[in-house]
């Protein structure tokens, strides 16, 4: 029982030490990334860690308030002649499929 209690206390102390918050700094002997070519200044660590606006776009959850008919769509056309396959272009002779279609043997 004492081992379990001691392990629980030790894990609580270690976990409490993980929550320290401090300013970010480059590692010893390292510098911040170089200034981008078109930038006026070198970005700070806070600027580098801030995601741009396009990384989390706003969501549009606009509900329909009342039912409205759709506007007519000029491209919403029924299939031609009730779904029959279109005819071949003028002057094209239909060619029968070759009868020698079979498995290919490697050479």
N, C-alpha and C. Protein backbone atom coordinates (compact mmCIF):
# COMPACT_ATOMS: atom_id res chain seq x y z
N UNK A 1 0.83 -1.19 0.00
CA UNK A 1 0.00 0.00 0.00
C UNK A 1 0.87 1.26 0.00
N UNK A 2 1.99 1.24 0.71
CA UNK A 2 2.85 2.41 0.76
C UNK A 2 3.51 2.68 -0.57
N UNK A 3 3.86 1.61 -1.31
CA UNK A 3 4.47 1.79 -2.63
C UNK A 3 3.50 2.47 -3.58
N UNK A 4 2.24 2.05 -3.55
CA UNK A 4 1.24 2.64 -4.43
C UNK A 4 1.02 4.11 -4.09
N UNK A 5 0.96 4.40 -2.78
CA UNK A 5 0.75 5.79 -2.38
C UNK A 5 1.97 6.64 -2.75
N UNK A 6 3.16 6.10 -2.56
CA UNK A 6 4.38 6.83 -2.90
C UNK A 6 4.46 7.06 -4.41
N UNK A 7 4.07 6.05 -5.20
CA UNK A 7 4.09 6.20 -6.65
C UNK A 7 3.07 7.25 -7.10
N UNK A 8 1.92 7.27 -6.45
CA UNK A 8 0.89 8.24 -6.79
C UNK A 8 1.36 9.66 -6.47
N UNK A 9 1.98 9.84 -5.33
CA UNK A 9 2.48 11.17 -4.95
C UNK A 9 3.61 11.60 -5.89
N UNK A 10 4.51 10.68 -6.22
CA UNK A 10 5.62 11.01 -7.12
C UNK A 10 5.11 11.40 -8.50
N UNK A 11 4.13 10.67 -9.01
CA UNK A 11 3.59 11.01 -10.33
C UNK A 11 2.86 12.34 -10.30
N UNK A 12 2.18 12.67 -9.20
CA UNK A 12 1.50 13.95 -9.09
C UNK A 12 2.51 15.10 -9.07
N UNK A 13 3.63 14.92 -8.35
CA UNK A 13 4.66 15.97 -8.30
C UNK A 13 5.30 16.16 -9.68
N UNK A 14 5.58 15.05 -10.37
CA UNK A 14 6.18 15.16 -11.70
C UNK A 14 5.23 15.80 -12.69
N UNK A 15 3.96 15.46 -12.61
CA UNK A 15 2.97 16.03 -13.51
C UNK A 15 2.78 17.51 -13.26
N UNK A 16 2.84 17.93 -12.00
CA UNK A 16 2.69 19.35 -11.66
C UNK A 16 3.85 20.16 -12.23
N UNK A 17 5.03 19.58 -12.33
CA UNK A 17 6.19 20.28 -12.87
C UNK A 17 6.13 20.48 -14.37
N UNK A 18 5.26 19.76 -15.05
CA UNK A 18 5.17 19.85 -16.51
C UNK A 18 4.46 21.11 -16.99
N UNK A 19 3.72 21.77 -16.11
CA UNK A 19 2.88 22.88 -16.53
C UNK A 19 3.58 24.22 -16.55
N UNK A 20 4.88 24.27 -16.45
CA UNK A 20 5.59 25.54 -16.43
C UNK A 20 5.49 26.21 -17.80
N UNK A 21 5.15 27.48 -17.78
CA UNK A 21 5.02 28.24 -19.02
C UNK A 21 6.07 29.34 -19.02
N UNK A 22 6.83 29.42 -20.09
CA UNK A 22 7.86 30.46 -20.21
C UNK A 22 7.92 30.90 -21.67
N UNK A 23 8.55 32.04 -21.89
CA UNK A 23 8.73 32.52 -23.26
C UNK A 23 9.64 31.57 -24.02
N UNK A 24 9.36 31.39 -25.28
CA UNK A 24 10.19 30.53 -26.11
C UNK A 24 11.44 31.29 -26.56
N UNK A 25 12.55 30.61 -26.49
CA UNK A 25 13.82 31.19 -26.90
C UNK A 25 14.55 30.14 -27.74
N UNK A 26 15.40 30.58 -28.64
CA UNK A 26 16.18 29.59 -29.39
C UNK A 26 17.10 28.82 -28.45
N UNK A 27 17.45 27.62 -28.83
CA UNK A 27 18.36 26.81 -28.03
C UNK A 27 19.72 27.51 -27.93
N UNK A 28 20.48 27.17 -26.90
CA UNK A 28 21.79 27.78 -26.69
C UNK A 28 22.68 27.55 -27.91
N UNK A 29 23.26 28.61 -28.43
CA UNK A 29 24.12 28.51 -29.59
C UNK A 29 23.36 28.56 -30.91
N UNK A 30 22.05 28.62 -30.88
CA UNK A 30 21.23 28.67 -32.10
C UNK A 30 20.60 30.05 -32.22
N UNK A 31 20.17 30.39 -33.41
CA UNK A 31 19.49 31.66 -33.62
C UNK A 31 18.12 31.39 -34.24
N UNK A 32 17.31 32.42 -34.31
CA UNK A 32 16.01 32.29 -34.96
C UNK A 32 16.22 32.02 -36.45
N UNK A 33 15.21 31.52 -37.14
CA UNK A 33 15.35 31.32 -38.58
C UNK A 33 15.67 32.64 -39.28
N UNK A 34 16.33 32.54 -40.42
CA UNK A 34 16.72 33.76 -41.15
C UNK A 34 15.49 34.49 -41.65
N UNK A 35 15.67 35.77 -41.90
CA UNK A 35 14.57 36.62 -42.37
C UNK A 35 14.16 36.17 -43.77
N UNK A 36 12.84 35.97 -44.01
CA UNK A 36 12.39 35.66 -45.37
C UNK A 36 12.77 36.80 -46.33
N UNK A 37 12.95 36.47 -47.59
CA UNK A 37 13.46 37.44 -48.56
C UNK A 37 12.59 38.69 -48.67
N UNK A 38 11.27 38.55 -48.71
CA UNK A 38 10.40 39.70 -48.92
C UNK A 38 9.93 40.34 -47.61
N UNK A 39 10.32 39.80 -46.46
CA UNK A 39 9.88 40.34 -45.17
C UNK A 39 10.73 41.54 -44.78
N UNK A 40 10.12 42.48 -44.04
CA UNK A 40 10.86 43.66 -43.58
C UNK A 40 11.72 43.32 -42.37
N UNK A 41 11.23 42.44 -41.48
CA UNK A 41 11.97 42.07 -40.27
C UNK A 41 11.91 40.56 -40.09
N UNK A 42 12.78 40.06 -39.21
CA UNK A 42 12.76 38.64 -38.87
C UNK A 42 11.57 38.39 -37.95
N UNK A 43 10.75 37.37 -38.24
CA UNK A 43 9.59 37.13 -37.39
C UNK A 43 10.00 36.65 -35.99
N UNK A 44 9.21 37.05 -35.00
CA UNK A 44 9.46 36.64 -33.61
C UNK A 44 8.93 35.22 -33.41
N UNK A 45 9.32 34.55 -32.32
CA UNK A 45 8.77 33.22 -32.06
C UNK A 45 7.25 33.22 -31.98
N UNK A 46 6.66 34.25 -31.39
CA UNK A 46 5.19 34.32 -31.30
C UNK A 46 4.58 34.41 -32.70
N UNK A 47 5.18 35.19 -33.58
CA UNK A 47 4.67 35.30 -34.95
C UNK A 47 4.81 33.98 -35.70
N UNK A 48 5.91 33.27 -35.45
CA UNK A 48 6.11 31.99 -36.12
C UNK A 48 5.12 30.93 -35.64
N UNK A 49 4.69 31.04 -34.39
CA UNK A 49 3.77 30.05 -33.83
C UNK A 49 2.30 30.40 -34.04
N UNK A 50 2.00 31.61 -34.48
CA UNK A 50 0.62 32.01 -34.72
C UNK A 50 0.19 31.53 -36.10
N UNK A 51 -0.85 30.66 -36.16
CA UNK A 51 -1.28 30.18 -37.48
C UNK A 51 -1.94 31.28 -38.28
N UNK A 52 -1.78 31.28 -39.60
CA UNK A 52 -2.42 32.31 -40.43
C UNK A 52 -3.94 32.11 -40.45
N UNK A 53 -4.65 33.11 -40.91
CA UNK A 53 -6.11 33.07 -40.90
C UNK A 53 -6.65 31.94 -41.76
N UNK A 54 -5.98 31.59 -42.85
CA UNK A 54 -6.49 30.54 -43.72
C UNK A 54 -6.31 29.14 -43.12
N UNK A 55 -5.56 29.03 -42.02
CA UNK A 55 -5.38 27.72 -41.39
C UNK A 55 -6.62 27.28 -40.63
N UNK A 56 -7.45 28.21 -40.20
CA UNK A 56 -8.69 27.88 -39.49
C UNK A 56 -9.80 28.79 -40.02
N UNK A 57 -10.35 28.48 -41.20
CA UNK A 57 -11.37 29.35 -41.78
C UNK A 57 -12.65 29.33 -40.95
N UNK A 58 -13.40 30.41 -41.04
CA UNK A 58 -14.67 30.47 -40.33
C UNK A 58 -15.67 29.55 -41.02
N UNK A 59 -16.51 28.96 -40.22
CA UNK A 59 -17.51 28.04 -40.75
C UNK A 59 -18.82 28.78 -40.96
N UNK A 60 -19.48 28.50 -42.06
CA UNK A 60 -20.74 29.14 -42.35
C UNK A 60 -21.85 28.12 -42.08
N UNK A 61 -22.62 28.39 -41.06
CA UNK A 61 -23.74 27.51 -40.70
C UNK A 61 -25.06 28.25 -40.86
N UNK A 62 -25.23 28.87 -41.99
CA UNK A 62 -26.45 29.63 -42.20
C UNK A 62 -27.59 28.68 -42.53
N UNK A 63 -28.61 28.69 -41.70
CA UNK A 63 -29.76 27.84 -41.95
C UNK A 63 -30.74 28.55 -42.86
N UNK A 64 -31.48 27.76 -43.64
CA UNK A 64 -32.52 28.36 -44.48
C UNK A 64 -33.66 28.82 -43.59
N UNK A 65 -34.06 30.05 -43.73
CA UNK A 65 -35.16 30.59 -42.92
C UNK A 65 -36.51 30.15 -43.48
N UNK A 66 -36.63 30.15 -44.80
CA UNK A 66 -37.86 29.68 -45.42
C UNK A 66 -37.52 29.07 -46.77
N UNK A 67 -38.35 28.17 -47.20
CA UNK A 67 -38.10 27.46 -48.45
C UNK A 67 -38.29 28.40 -49.63
N UNK A 68 -37.33 28.37 -50.54
CA UNK A 68 -37.42 29.20 -51.73
C UNK A 68 -37.16 28.33 -52.95
N UNK A 69 -37.89 28.53 -54.04
CA UNK A 69 -37.63 27.73 -55.24
C UNK A 69 -36.27 28.07 -55.83
N UNK A 70 -35.66 27.08 -56.44
CA UNK A 70 -34.37 27.31 -57.09
C UNK A 70 -34.53 28.13 -58.36
N UNK A 71 -33.47 28.85 -58.68
CA UNK A 71 -33.47 29.57 -59.94
C UNK A 71 -33.28 28.56 -61.06
N UNK A 72 -33.86 28.79 -62.23
CA UNK A 72 -33.71 27.82 -63.32
C UNK A 72 -32.25 27.68 -63.75
N UNK A 73 -31.84 26.46 -64.03
CA UNK A 73 -30.47 26.17 -64.45
C UNK A 73 -30.50 25.83 -65.93
N UNK A 74 -29.81 26.64 -66.73
CA UNK A 74 -29.84 26.42 -68.18
C UNK A 74 -29.13 25.15 -68.61
N UNK A 75 -28.30 24.57 -67.74
CA UNK A 75 -27.58 23.35 -68.09
C UNK A 75 -28.25 22.10 -67.55
N UNK A 76 -29.35 22.22 -66.82
CA UNK A 76 -30.07 21.08 -66.28
C UNK A 76 -31.06 20.60 -67.35
N UNK A 77 -30.55 19.78 -68.29
CA UNK A 77 -31.36 19.33 -69.42
C UNK A 77 -31.66 17.84 -69.29
N UNK A 78 -32.78 17.39 -69.82
CA UNK A 78 -33.07 15.95 -69.80
C UNK A 78 -32.16 15.24 -70.80
N UNK A 79 -31.96 13.91 -70.64
CA UNK A 79 -31.13 13.20 -71.60
C UNK A 79 -31.76 13.22 -72.99
N UNK A 80 -30.95 13.25 -74.06
CA UNK A 80 -31.51 13.29 -75.41
C UNK A 80 -32.22 11.99 -75.74
N UNK A 81 -33.33 12.08 -76.37
CA UNK A 81 -34.14 10.97 -76.88
C UNK A 81 -34.37 9.87 -75.86
N UNK A 82 -34.63 10.25 -74.65
CA UNK A 82 -35.01 9.27 -73.65
C UNK A 82 -33.90 8.33 -73.22
N UNK A 83 -32.67 8.69 -73.29
CA UNK A 83 -31.59 7.87 -72.80
C UNK A 83 -30.97 6.94 -73.83
N UNK A 84 -31.35 7.04 -75.10
CA UNK A 84 -30.75 6.21 -76.14
C UNK A 84 -29.35 6.72 -76.42
N UNK A 85 -28.43 5.81 -76.73
CA UNK A 85 -27.06 6.20 -77.02
C UNK A 85 -27.02 7.14 -78.22
N UNK A 86 -26.17 8.15 -78.20
CA UNK A 86 -26.10 9.07 -79.33
C UNK A 86 -25.60 8.37 -80.59
N UNK A 87 -26.05 8.86 -81.73
CA UNK A 87 -25.65 8.28 -83.01
C UNK A 87 -24.20 8.64 -83.30
N UNK A 88 -23.57 7.85 -84.17
CA UNK A 88 -22.20 8.13 -84.58
C UNK A 88 -22.18 9.37 -85.45
N UNK A 89 -21.07 10.09 -85.47
CA UNK A 89 -20.98 11.26 -86.33
C UNK A 89 -21.14 10.87 -87.80
N UNK A 90 -21.53 11.81 -88.61
CA UNK A 90 -21.73 11.54 -90.03
C UNK A 90 -20.44 11.08 -90.68
N UNK A 91 -20.51 10.06 -91.49
CA UNK A 91 -19.36 9.56 -92.22
C UNK A 91 -18.55 8.52 -91.45
N UNK A 92 -18.92 8.20 -90.24
CA UNK A 92 -18.17 7.22 -89.45
C UNK A 92 -18.81 5.85 -89.63
N UNK A 93 -18.03 4.88 -90.06
CA UNK A 93 -18.53 3.52 -90.22
C UNK A 93 -18.28 2.75 -88.92
N UNK A 94 -19.29 2.08 -88.42
CA UNK A 94 -19.07 1.30 -87.21
C UNK A 94 -18.18 0.10 -87.52
N UNK A 95 -17.16 -0.12 -86.74
CA UNK A 95 -16.23 -1.22 -86.92
C UNK A 95 -16.55 -2.32 -85.92
N UNK A 96 -16.62 -3.58 -86.38
CA UNK A 96 -16.87 -4.66 -85.42
C UNK A 96 -15.64 -4.87 -84.53
N UNK A 97 -15.87 -5.40 -83.35
CA UNK A 97 -14.77 -5.66 -82.43
C UNK A 97 -13.96 -6.84 -82.95
N UNK A 98 -12.67 -6.80 -82.77
CA UNK A 98 -11.80 -7.88 -83.23
C UNK A 98 -12.08 -9.14 -82.42
N UNK A 99 -12.08 -10.30 -83.11
CA UNK A 99 -12.38 -11.56 -82.45
C UNK A 99 -11.16 -12.17 -81.81
N UNK A 100 -9.98 -11.61 -82.03
CA UNK A 100 -8.76 -12.22 -81.51
C UNK A 100 -8.36 -11.62 -80.15
N UNK A 101 -9.32 -11.12 -79.41
CA UNK A 101 -8.99 -10.60 -78.09
C UNK A 101 -8.93 -11.76 -77.12
N UNK A 102 -7.84 -11.96 -76.48
CA UNK A 102 -7.67 -13.06 -75.53
C UNK A 102 -6.50 -12.77 -74.64
N UNK A 103 -6.12 -13.75 -73.85
CA UNK A 103 -4.98 -13.50 -72.96
C UNK A 103 -3.70 -13.30 -73.75
N UNK A 104 -2.87 -12.45 -73.24
CA UNK A 104 -1.60 -12.14 -73.88
C UNK A 104 -0.55 -13.11 -73.35
N UNK A 105 0.21 -13.71 -74.26
CA UNK A 105 1.27 -14.61 -73.82
C UNK A 105 2.60 -13.87 -73.89
N UNK A 106 3.40 -13.92 -72.82
CA UNK A 106 4.69 -13.23 -72.86
C UNK A 106 5.64 -13.90 -73.81
N UNK A 107 6.53 -13.13 -74.39
CA UNK A 107 7.50 -13.65 -75.37
C UNK A 107 8.80 -13.96 -74.71
